[in-house]
Amino acid sequence: MGKTTVLYQSVQRLLAQGIEPHRIWWMRIDHPFLRSADLGELVREVVGCSGATADQPAYVMLDEVAYAGDWDLWLKAFYDDHWPVQVAATSSATVVLRDRRMESGVGRWEEQFLMPYSFGEFLGLVSDEEHGFTVPPPGSTLGETLRDLPAGQRVGQRLGGDRVALMLVGGFPGLLKLLDVHPREAAASGGGSIGEGDTWRPKRMSQIWEVWGESPILADVLFSAQTVLRQDAVERAVYKDIPQSFGVHDPSMLERLLYVLAGQVTGLLSPTKISRDLGLTHPTLDRYLSYLERAFLVFTLPNYSASEATVQRRGRKIYFVDGAVRNAVLQRGLGPLEDHGEQGLLLENLVVSELHTLALHSGVRVYHWRERESEVDVIFDHPSDPLAFEIASSPRHTREGLRQLARRHEIYRGKCYLVAPQLPVAQPVAGGIDPGTLPLDTFLLAVGAQAHRELRSSLLPV
């Protein structure tokens, strides 16, 4: 999502900096004329035609680079042999990139991941209203950002519909085009008055969910979004990218595994039961799960322990990179709107996936914690500012798991929070075991802002 747009923005930036257009080259490697060409020959022609030198290199944009043969070896050669080029390359076949980068890419290129929209980015795109509260600029760590939140701040219900929209439609910008519906259809759904020939877009996304039950048109939006996700995210990875990269001969088994994982989202994995139900050996199950993780469909959280050996032995929890993909796998349609338990699972998946994005950009490991009867949803194991979070749908949710974690691991004393709607911002007492509290939507916005800061820092180092 957005990879080609980022390349276009890079070209705009280069032109704005005064780089001559003849030194900027764009190649769609998945184009029929280019996918069978030798990447080295193509770049050699670029160097010759642009007159590139070490002081004035050519800038080469390679869209869908994984379609080129030996692309990783050629990028290695461009770097090691000091070709006068700078390369930006994209690929939607993430599994191919991650499989090839291990040897060739070390010390030679940088990877950046474009993850689904954060809650803050989503609001910026779909909402024209002021939210009535502010999130301070992010600090150097997530802990610093959370400690700077205004004490006592609460967030009402105004963002609830927006959050539901993100959970169901997903953080994929292209899907929001589905919200442009015909004027008469919009009027039938309670969308208000508009001029003839205009396109209706709700002022706030929550308007969609306020009239959901009365509008078959809006229901069609969700079904269309899930169809797109199933085709573009699920079927492409399961039936094309993974089989081509790893030689999987029965991709239907991958789809069955993904279906099982979707039914267990936010829960502990049971490899023995899954292997038995699917007729897979444990090694095959682990391998298939790793393929789905490398395709950025799912991710797992290991159980936290001060001992790395213990971490590896303990159970993992399963999450989807975007909860809407999970709904598309199960073809849930409107189901989550009618099931409060399922909404709770999707809520936890949303929060953990945003922390997962922050972890990718900042290089921090994320865990869950479970010991006997005590558990905590998420541990953000920052080396100097670790944090722990329990995610809940109700402000009355128990805090005992957080207290037990703080008792058993001193580094989390004064670092634990309960996160739920309608809670006020209240900081934990330094060195204490009682957790602080955070309103859910404020927390999502703070995590998203922190992730944006980390990504921007890696793209535009000071």
Protein backbone atom coordinates (compact mmCIF):
# COMPACT_ATOMS: atom_id res chain seq x y z
CA MET A 1 0.00 0.00 0.00
CA GLY A 2 1.40 3.34 -1.04
CA LYS A 3 4.77 2.08 -2.27
CA THR A 4 4.49 3.49 -5.78
CA THR A 5 3.20 6.77 -4.34
CA VAL A 6 6.29 7.00 -2.15
CA LEU A 7 8.47 6.62 -5.24
CA TYR A 8 6.56 9.42 -6.98
CA GLN A 9 7.05 11.60 -3.91
CA SER A 10 10.77 10.78 -3.99
CA VAL A 11 10.94 11.96 -7.60
CA GLN A 12 9.14 15.19 -6.65
CA ARG A 13 11.63 15.75 -3.83
CA LEU A 14 14.62 15.21 -6.12
CA LEU A 15 13.24 17.62 -8.72
CA ALA A 16 12.57 20.20 -6.00
CA GLN A 17 16.21 19.86 -4.91
CA GLY A 18 17.35 20.78 -8.43
CA ILE A 19 18.30 17.31 -9.71
CA GLU A 20 18.16 17.35 -13.52
CA PRO A 21 15.27 15.23 -14.87
CA HIS A 22 17.57 13.24 -17.17
CA ARG A 23 19.29 11.84 -14.05
CA ILE A 24 16.03 10.44 -12.65
CA TRP A 25 14.86 7.13 -14.14
CA TRP A 26 11.67 5.18 -13.48
CA MET A 27 11.29 1.49 -14.31
CA ARG A 28 8.24 -0.69 -13.69
CA ILE A 29 9.97 -4.03 -13.54
CA ASP A 30 6.66 -5.91 -13.76
CA HIS A 31 6.06 -4.36 -17.21
CA PRO A 32 6.17 -7.01 -19.98
CA PHE A 33 9.03 -5.16 -21.72
CA LEU A 34 11.20 -5.10 -18.60
CA ARG A 35 10.45 -8.20 -16.52
CA SER A 36 12.57 -10.42 -18.77
CA ALA A 37 15.38 -7.88 -19.18
CA ASP A 38 18.71 -8.10 -17.37
CA LEU A 39 18.70 -5.59 -14.50
CA GLY A 40 22.43 -4.95 -14.86
CA GLU A 41 22.04 -4.10 -18.56
CA LEU A 42 19.13 -1.76 -17.81
CA VAL A 43 21.07 0.19 -15.19
CA ARG A 44 24.19 0.24 -17.38
CA GLU A 45 22.09 1.96 -20.09
CA VAL A 46 20.83 4.45 -17.49
CA VAL A 47 24.39 5.32 -16.50
CA GLY A 48 25.38 5.84 -20.11
CA CYS A 49 22.35 7.88 -21.15
CA SER A 50 22.37 10.11 -18.08
CA GLY A 51 26.13 10.68 -18.01
CA ALA A 52 26.10 9.69 -14.34
CA THR A 53 29.26 10.16 -12.28
CA ALA A 54 30.18 9.56 -8.69
CA ASP A 55 29.54 13.25 -7.94
CA GLN A 56 26.33 13.38 -9.99
CA PRO A 57 24.74 9.93 -9.78
CA ALA A 58 21.65 8.71 -11.54
CA TYR A 59 18.59 8.07 -9.37
CA VAL A 60 16.85 4.85 -10.34
CA MET A 61 13.32 4.01 -9.15
CA LEU A 62 12.63 0.28 -9.49
CA ASP A 63 8.96 -0.45 -8.91
CA GLU A 64 8.25 -4.16 -8.18
CA VAL A 65 11.94 -5.06 -8.25
CA ALA A 66 11.32 -8.70 -7.29
CA TYR A 67 10.25 -9.41 -10.88
CA ALA A 68 13.87 -8.93 -12.01
CA GLY A 69 16.10 -11.97 -12.06
CA ASP A 70 18.92 -11.91 -9.48
CA TRP A 71 17.76 -8.49 -8.31
CA ASP A 72 19.47 -8.93 -4.94
CA LEU A 73 22.82 -9.82 -6.51
CA TRP A 74 22.60 -6.82 -8.84
CA LEU A 75 21.85 -4.43 -5.98
CA LYS A 76 24.84 -5.90 -4.17
CA ALA A 77 26.98 -5.35 -7.28
CA PHE A 78 25.82 -1.73 -7.69
CA TYR A 79 26.96 -1.05 -4.13
CA ASP A 80 30.15 -3.09 -3.98
CA ASP A 81 31.41 -1.98 -7.40
CA HIS A 82 30.58 1.71 -6.78
CA TRP A 83 28.20 2.18 -9.70
CA PRO A 84 27.23 5.89 -9.94
CA VAL A 85 23.60 5.20 -9.06
CA GLN A 86 21.30 5.51 -6.09
CA VAL A 87 18.43 3.04 -6.07
CA ALA A 88 14.99 3.03 -4.45
CA ALA A 89 13.14 -0.23 -4.99
CA THR A 90 9.73 -1.55 -3.98
CA SER A 91 8.01 -4.90 -3.99
CA SER A 92 4.62 -6.13 -2.88
CA ALA A 93 6.03 -9.67 -2.78
CA THR A 94 7.46 -9.10 0.68
CA VAL A 95 8.31 -12.74 1.19
CA VAL A 96 10.69 -12.58 -1.77
CA LEU A 97 12.47 -9.52 -0.43
CA ARG A 98 12.89 -10.92 3.05
CA ASP A 99 14.11 -14.27 1.75
CA ARG A 100 16.81 -12.72 -0.44
CA ARG A 101 18.01 -9.88 1.79
CA MET A 102 19.78 -11.95 4.43
CA GLU A 103 23.13 -12.32 2.67
CA SER A 104 23.18 -9.72 -0.09
CA GLY A 105 21.63 -6.81 1.76
CA VAL A 106 23.60 -6.66 4.98
CA GLY A 107 25.26 -3.24 5.18
CA ARG A 108 24.28 -2.40 1.61
CA TRP A 109 20.68 -1.32 1.67
CA GLU A 110 18.04 -0.14 4.10
CA GLU A 111 14.55 -1.57 4.41
CA GLN A 112 11.46 0.48 5.20
CA PHE A 113 8.04 -1.03 5.82
CA LEU A 114 4.79 0.66 4.85
CA MET A 115 2.22 -0.62 7.32
CA PRO A 116 -1.58 -0.13 7.33
CA TYR A 117 -2.88 3.28 8.35
CA SER A 118 -2.60 4.13 12.02
CA PHE A 119 -5.70 5.46 13.75
CA GLY A 120 -4.35 9.00 13.56
CA GLU A 121 -3.57 8.71 9.84
CA PHE A 122 -7.02 7.23 9.26
CA LEU A 123 -8.71 10.14 11.04
CA GLY A 124 -6.64 12.63 9.09
CA LEU A 125 -7.92 11.14 5.87
CA VAL A 126 -11.61 10.61 6.62
CA SER A 127 -12.55 13.21 9.25
CA ASP A 128 -12.92 16.98 8.88
CA GLU A 129 -13.84 17.63 12.50
CA GLU A 130 -11.74 18.77 15.42
CA HIS A 131 -11.59 16.04 18.04
CA GLY A 132 -11.62 18.33 21.07
CA PHE A 133 -8.38 17.02 22.54
CA THR A 134 -4.70 17.10 21.72
CA VAL A 135 -1.82 14.67 21.78
CA PRO A 136 1.51 16.38 22.52
CA PRO A 137 4.32 15.97 19.99
CA PRO A 138 5.98 12.58 20.46
CA GLY A 139 9.06 12.37 22.64
CA SER A 140 12.15 10.26 22.20
CA THR A 141 10.35 7.16 23.54
CA LEU A 142 6.74 6.03 23.78
CA GLY A 143 7.00 6.23 27.56
CA GLU A 144 8.05 9.86 27.38
CA THR A 145 5.15 10.60 25.02
CA LEU A 146 2.60 8.97 27.34
CA ARG A 147 3.96 10.74 30.41
CA ASP A 148 3.46 14.09 28.65
CA LEU A 149 -0.28 13.49 28.13
CA PRO A 150 -2.47 16.00 30.04
CA ALA A 151 -3.57 14.48 33.35
CA GLY A 152 -7.30 13.83 33.64
CA GLN A 153 -7.94 14.05 29.89
CA ARG A 154 -10.83 11.92 28.71
CA VAL A 155 -12.12 11.11 25.25
CA GLY A 156 -15.84 10.72 24.69
CA GLN A 157 -17.71 8.57 22.21
CA ARG A 158 -17.15 10.79 19.18
CA LEU A 159 -14.32 8.66 17.85
CA GLY A 160 -15.97 5.31 18.52
CA GLY A 161 -17.47 5.05 15.04
CA ASP A 162 -14.18 5.97 13.41
CA ARG A 163 -12.41 3.25 15.37
CA VAL A 164 -15.01 0.68 14.34
CA ALA A 165 -14.61 1.80 10.73
CA LEU A 166 -10.87 1.22 10.87
CA MET A 167 -11.32 -2.21 12.44
CA LEU A 168 -13.81 -3.34 9.79
CA VAL A 169 -12.74 -1.63 6.57
CA GLY A 170 -9.03 -1.72 7.35
CA GLY A 171 -6.10 0.67 7.14
CA PHE A 172 -5.80 0.50 3.35
CA PRO A 173 -6.16 3.92 1.70
CA GLY A 174 -7.49 2.59 -1.60
CA LEU A 175 -10.51 1.02 0.08
CA LEU A 176 -11.78 4.41 1.20
CA LYS A 177 -12.70 5.14 -2.41
CA LEU A 178 -15.52 2.66 -1.88
CA LEU A 179 -17.16 5.24 0.38
CA ASP A 180 -17.93 7.47 -2.61
CA VAL A 181 -21.53 6.49 -3.37
CA HIS A 182 -24.23 7.90 -5.63
CA PRO A 183 -26.16 10.92 -4.23
CA ARG A 184 -29.58 9.27 -4.27
CA GLU A 185 -28.22 6.16 -2.62
CA ALA A 186 -26.59 8.33 0.03
CA ALA A 187 -29.83 10.19 0.69
CA ALA A 188 -31.60 6.86 1.16
CA SER A 189 -29.01 5.96 3.78
CA GLY A 190 -29.59 9.13 5.81
CA GLY A 191 -26.58 10.97 4.45
CA GLY A 192 -28.26 14.39 4.29
CA SER A 193 -28.79 16.89 1.51
CA ILE A 194 -26.34 17.24 -1.36
CA GLY A 195 -26.33 18.81 -4.78
CA GLU A 196 -27.35 16.82 -7.84
CA GLY A 197 -24.31 15.16 -9.40
CA ASP A 198 -22.18 15.56 -6.27
CA THR A 199 -20.38 12.72 -4.59
CA TRP A 200 -21.36 12.09 -0.97
CA ARG A 201 -18.70 11.55 1.62
CA PRO A 202 -19.61 11.60 5.31
CA LYS A 203 -18.14 14.46 7.32
CA ARG A 204 -17.04 11.91 9.86
CA MET A 205 -16.65 8.21 9.35
CA SER A 206 -18.86 7.47 12.34
CA GLN A 207 -21.89 8.70 10.36
CA ILE A 208 -21.63 5.49 8.37
CA TRP A 209 -22.04 3.32 11.44
CA GLU A 210 -24.82 5.48 12.91
CA VAL A 211 -27.08 4.61 9.95
CA TRP A 212 -25.60 1.20 9.23
CA GLY A 213 -28.65 -0.86 9.99
CA GLU A 214 -30.83 1.25 7.69
CA SER A 215 -28.58 1.21 4.63
CA PRO A 216 -27.96 -1.78 2.36
CA ILE A 217 -25.73 0.53 0.31
CA LEU A 218 -23.35 1.00 3.21
CA ALA A 219 -23.39 -2.70 3.95
CA ASP A 220 -22.24 -3.20 0.36
CA VAL A 221 -19.25 -0.96 1.11
CA LEU A 222 -18.02 -3.37 3.76
CA PHE A 223 -18.61 -6.46 1.62
CA SER A 224 -16.76 -4.79 -1.27
CA ALA A 225 -13.85 -3.91 0.98
CA GLN A 226 -13.63 -7.48 2.25
CA THR A 227 -13.73 -8.81 -1.31
CA VAL A 228 -10.82 -6.56 -2.31
CA LEU A 229 -8.83 -7.56 0.76
CA ARG A 230 -9.43 -11.24 0.15
CA GLN A 231 -8.27 -10.95 -3.46
CA ASP A 232 -5.35 -8.53 -3.04
CA ALA A 233 -4.01 -9.39 0.40
CA VAL A 234 -4.97 -13.01 1.05
CA GLU A 235 -5.19 -14.82 -2.27
CA ARG A 236 -2.18 -13.08 -3.79
CA ALA A 237 0.04 -14.04 -0.85
CA VAL A 238 -1.35 -17.57 -0.40
CA TYR A 239 -1.64 -18.63 -4.03
CA LYS A 240 1.11 -16.59 -5.70
CA ASP A 241 3.82 -14.94 -3.59
CA ILE A 242 4.44 -17.70 -1.04
CA PRO A 243 4.27 -20.66 -3.46
CA GLN A 244 6.61 -18.91 -5.92
CA SER A 245 9.09 -17.99 -3.20
CA PHE A 246 9.17 -21.17 -1.16
CA GLY A 247 7.93 -23.90 -3.46
CA VAL A 248 4.73 -24.65 -1.52
CA HIS A 249 2.91 -27.30 -3.55
CA ASP A 250 -0.40 -27.17 -1.70
CA PRO A 251 -1.32 -23.49 -1.17
CA SER A 252 -4.84 -24.50 -0.15
CA MET A 253 -3.30 -25.78 3.09
CA LEU A 254 -1.89 -22.30 3.68
CA GLU A 255 -5.38 -20.88 3.28
CA ARG A 256 -6.81 -23.45 5.70
CA LEU A 257 -4.13 -22.54 8.24
CA LEU A 258 -4.90 -18.84 7.80
CA TYR A 259 -8.59 -19.61 8.37
CA VAL A 260 -7.74 -21.41 11.62
CA LEU A 261 -5.53 -18.53 12.77
CA ALA A 262 -8.30 -16.03 11.98
CA GLY A 263 -10.60 -17.96 14.29
CA GLN A 264 -8.02 -17.82 17.10
CA VAL A 265 -7.00 -14.15 16.75
CA THR A 266 -5.51 -12.68 19.99
CA GLY A 267 -5.45 -16.19 21.49
CA LEU A 268 -2.66 -18.55 22.43
CA LEU A 269 -1.50 -20.80 19.62
CA SER A 270 -1.85 -24.53 20.16
CA PRO A 271 0.56 -26.08 17.65
CA THR A 272 -0.35 -29.63 18.66
CA LYS A 273 -4.08 -29.11 18.12
CA ILE A 274 -3.63 -27.17 14.87
CA SER A 275 -1.24 -29.78 13.50
CA ARG A 276 -3.67 -32.56 14.37
CA ASP A 277 -6.70 -30.76 12.90
CA LEU A 278 -4.90 -29.90 9.64
CA GLY A 279 -2.89 -33.11 9.31
CA LEU A 280 0.44 -31.27 9.37
CA THR A 281 3.66 -32.14 11.15
CA HIS A 282 4.95 -29.63 13.70
CA PRO A 283 7.91 -28.57 11.49
CA THR A 284 5.59 -28.02 8.52
CA LEU A 285 3.20 -25.97 10.64
CA ASP A 286 6.04 -23.79 11.93
CA ARG A 287 7.31 -23.31 8.39
CA TYR A 288 3.89 -22.37 7.00
CA LEU A 289 3.29 -19.97 9.89
CA SER A 290 6.62 -18.29 9.19
CA TYR A 291 5.60 -17.84 5.54
CA LEU A 292 2.38 -16.07 6.58
CA GLU A 293 4.37 -13.86 8.94
CA ARG A 294 6.90 -13.00 6.25
CA ALA A 295 4.04 -12.11 3.92
CA PHE A 296 2.88 -9.59 6.55
CA LEU A 297 -0.51 -11.21 7.00
CA VAL A 298 -0.04 -12.25 10.64
CA PHE A 299 2.46 -11.87 13.45
CA THR A 300 2.96 -13.53 16.82
CA LEU A 301 3.88 -12.29 20.27
CA PRO A 302 6.08 -14.58 22.40
CA ASN A 303 5.59 -14.80 26.13
CA TYR A 304 7.83 -12.42 28.04
CA SER A 305 10.50 -13.69 30.38
CA ALA A 306 13.75 -12.30 31.72
CA SER A 307 15.34 -15.46 30.26
CA GLU A 308 15.52 -15.71 26.46
CA ALA A 309 15.51 -19.53 26.66
CA THR A 310 12.23 -19.39 28.59
CA VAL A 311 10.76 -16.99 26.02
CA GLN A 312 11.43 -19.48 23.24
CA ARG A 313 9.75 -22.33 25.13
CA ARG A 314 6.57 -20.49 26.04
CA GLY A 315 3.41 -20.05 23.99
CA ARG A 316 2.78 -17.38 21.39
CA LYS A 317 -0.32 -15.27 20.72
CA ILE A 318 -1.53 -14.71 17.16
CA TYR A 319 -2.52 -11.37 15.61
CA PHE A 320 -3.27 -10.07 12.13
CA VAL A 321 -1.28 -7.13 10.78
CA ASP A 322 -4.69 -5.63 9.96
CA GLY A 323 -7.81 -6.99 11.63
CA ALA A 324 -9.89 -6.29 8.51
CA VAL A 325 -7.83 -8.92 6.68
CA ARG A 326 -8.86 -11.40 9.36
CA ASN A 327 -12.52 -10.50 8.75
CA ALA A 328 -11.99 -10.97 5.02
CA VAL A 329 -10.45 -14.41 5.57
CA LEU A 330 -13.51 -15.50 7.54
CA GLN A 331 -15.87 -13.52 5.27
CA ARG A 332 -17.50 -12.09 8.38
CA GLY A 333 -19.41 -9.29 6.68
CA LEU A 334 -21.54 -7.48 9.26
CA GLY A 335 -20.99 -10.17 11.87
CA PRO A 336 -18.57 -8.22 14.13
CA LEU A 337 -21.16 -5.44 14.56
CA GLU A 338 -23.51 -7.91 16.23
CA ASP A 339 -20.99 -9.70 18.46
CA HIS A 340 -19.52 -7.74 21.38
CA GLY A 341 -17.03 -10.50 22.12
CA GLU A 342 -15.68 -10.36 18.57
CA GLN A 343 -15.47 -6.58 18.76
CA GLY A 344 -13.27 -7.00 21.83
CA LEU A 345 -10.92 -9.29 19.91
CA LEU A 346 -10.71 -6.83 17.02
CA LEU A 347 -10.08 -3.99 19.46
CA GLU A 348 -7.13 -5.81 21.02
CA ASN A 349 -5.84 -6.70 17.55
CA LEU A 350 -6.03 -3.03 16.51
CA VAL A 351 -4.04 -1.83 19.51
CA VAL A 352 -1.42 -4.58 19.33
CA SER A 353 -0.99 -4.13 15.57
CA GLU A 354 -0.28 -0.40 16.07
CA LEU A 355 2.33 -1.26 18.70
CA HIS A 356 3.72 -3.86 16.29
CA THR A 357 4.13 -1.12 13.66
CA LEU A 358 5.94 1.08 16.17
CA ALA A 359 8.15 -1.87 17.11
CA LEU A 360 9.13 -2.44 13.46
CA HIS A 361 10.12 1.19 13.02
CA SER A 362 11.97 1.48 16.34
CA GLY A 363 13.58 -1.96 16.62
CA VAL A 364 11.85 -2.78 19.92
CA ARG A 365 10.60 -6.27 20.75
CA VAL A 366 6.96 -6.79 21.77
CA TYR A 367 5.63 -9.60 23.97
CA HIS A 368 2.62 -10.73 25.91
CA TRP A 369 2.95 -12.09 29.47
CA ARG A 370 1.23 -15.07 30.99
CA GLU A 371 2.21 -16.88 34.17
CA ARG A 372 -0.19 -19.21 35.98
CA GLU A 373 -3.47 -17.26 36.26
CA SER A 374 -1.95 -13.86 35.59
CA GLU A 375 -1.59 -12.26 32.16
CA VAL A 376 -0.91 -8.94 30.46
CA ASP A 377 -1.81 -8.23 26.84
CA VAL A 378 1.25 -6.34 25.61
CA ILE A 379 4.78 -5.65 26.80
CA PHE A 380 6.75 -3.03 24.84
CA ASP A 381 10.27 -4.05 25.80
CA HIS A 382 12.15 -0.82 25.13
CA PRO A 383 15.70 -1.21 26.49
CA SER A 384 15.61 1.96 28.59
CA ASP A 385 11.89 2.72 28.91
CA PRO A 386 9.87 -0.54 28.98
CA LEU A 387 6.08 -0.42 29.22
CA ALA A 388 3.22 -2.86 29.79
CA PHE A 389 -0.42 -2.49 28.69
CA GLU A 390 -3.68 -4.28 29.36
CA ILE A 391 -6.26 -3.56 26.65
CA ALA A 392 -9.93 -3.58 27.67
CA SER A 393 -13.37 -2.62 26.40
CA SER A 394 -14.50 -1.49 29.85
CA PRO A 395 -12.86 0.89 32.35
CA ARG A 396 -13.85 -1.62 35.07
CA HIS A 397 -11.48 -4.26 33.70
CA THR A 398 -9.25 -5.94 36.28
CA ARG A 399 -5.79 -4.51 36.91
CA GLU A 400 -4.49 -7.53 38.79
CA GLY A 401 -2.44 -8.94 35.88
CA LEU A 402 -0.50 -5.67 35.63
CA ARG A 403 0.10 -5.67 39.39
CA GLN A 404 1.42 -9.23 39.27
CA LEU A 405 3.78 -8.37 36.41
CA ALA A 406 5.15 -5.41 38.39
CA ARG A 407 5.62 -7.61 41.47
CA ARG A 408 7.58 -10.25 39.55
CA HIS A 409 9.55 -7.94 37.22
CA GLU A 410 10.73 -4.78 38.97
CA ILE A 411 11.59 -2.96 35.75
CA TYR A 412 7.84 -2.63 35.09
CA ARG A 413 7.03 -0.92 38.37
CA GLY A 414 5.59 2.46 37.55
CA LYS A 415 5.49 1.45 33.87
CA CYS A 416 2.08 -0.28 33.57
CA TYR A 417 -1.18 1.06 32.12
CA LEU A 418 -4.77 -0.07 31.72
CA VAL A 419 -6.05 1.15 28.34
CA ALA A 420 -9.81 1.38 27.77
CA PRO A 421 -12.48 3.76 26.46
CA GLN A 422 -13.70 6.47 28.86
CA LEU A 423 -10.72 6.19 31.19
CA PRO A 424 -8.88 9.40 32.18
CA VAL A 425 -5.17 9.93 31.73
CA ALA A 426 -3.61 8.97 35.06
CA GLN A 427 0.09 8.17 35.44
CA PRO A 428 1.31 5.25 37.56
CA VAL A 429 3.21 6.12 40.72
CA ALA A 430 6.95 5.85 40.14
CA GLY A 431 8.20 2.53 41.46
CA GLY A 432 4.68 1.38 42.38
CA ILE A 433 2.71 -1.67 41.31
CA ASP A 434 -0.63 0.05 40.69
CA PRO A 435 -1.08 0.80 36.97
CA GLY A 436 -1.93 4.12 35.42
CA THR A 437 -4.85 4.54 33.03
CA LEU A 438 -5.14 5.81 29.47
CA PRO A 439 -8.16 6.52 27.25
CA LEU A 440 -8.09 4.12 24.34
CA ASP A 441 -8.30 6.59 21.46
CA THR A 442 -5.70 8.91 22.96
CA PHE A 443 -3.40 5.93 23.35
CA LEU A 444 -3.90 4.90 19.71
CA LEU A 445 -3.14 8.42 18.54
CA ALA A 446 -0.01 8.59 20.73
CA VAL A 447 1.31 5.25 19.45
CA GLY A 448 0.62 6.25 15.85
CA ALA A 449 2.40 9.59 16.30
CA GLN A 450 5.38 7.80 17.84
CA ALA A 451 5.53 5.34 14.94
CA HIS A 452 5.40 8.24 12.47
CA ARG A 453 8.28 9.91 14.30
CA GLU A 454 10.38 6.75 14.17
CA LEU A 455 9.68 6.16 10.49
CA ARG A 456 10.41 9.77 9.59
CA SER A 457 13.65 9.62 11.58
CA SER A 458 14.82 6.57 9.65
CA LEU A 459 13.85 8.06 6.28
CA LEU A 460 15.16 11.56 6.96
CA PRO A 461 18.00 11.24 9.47
CA VAL A 462 19.04 14.48 11.13
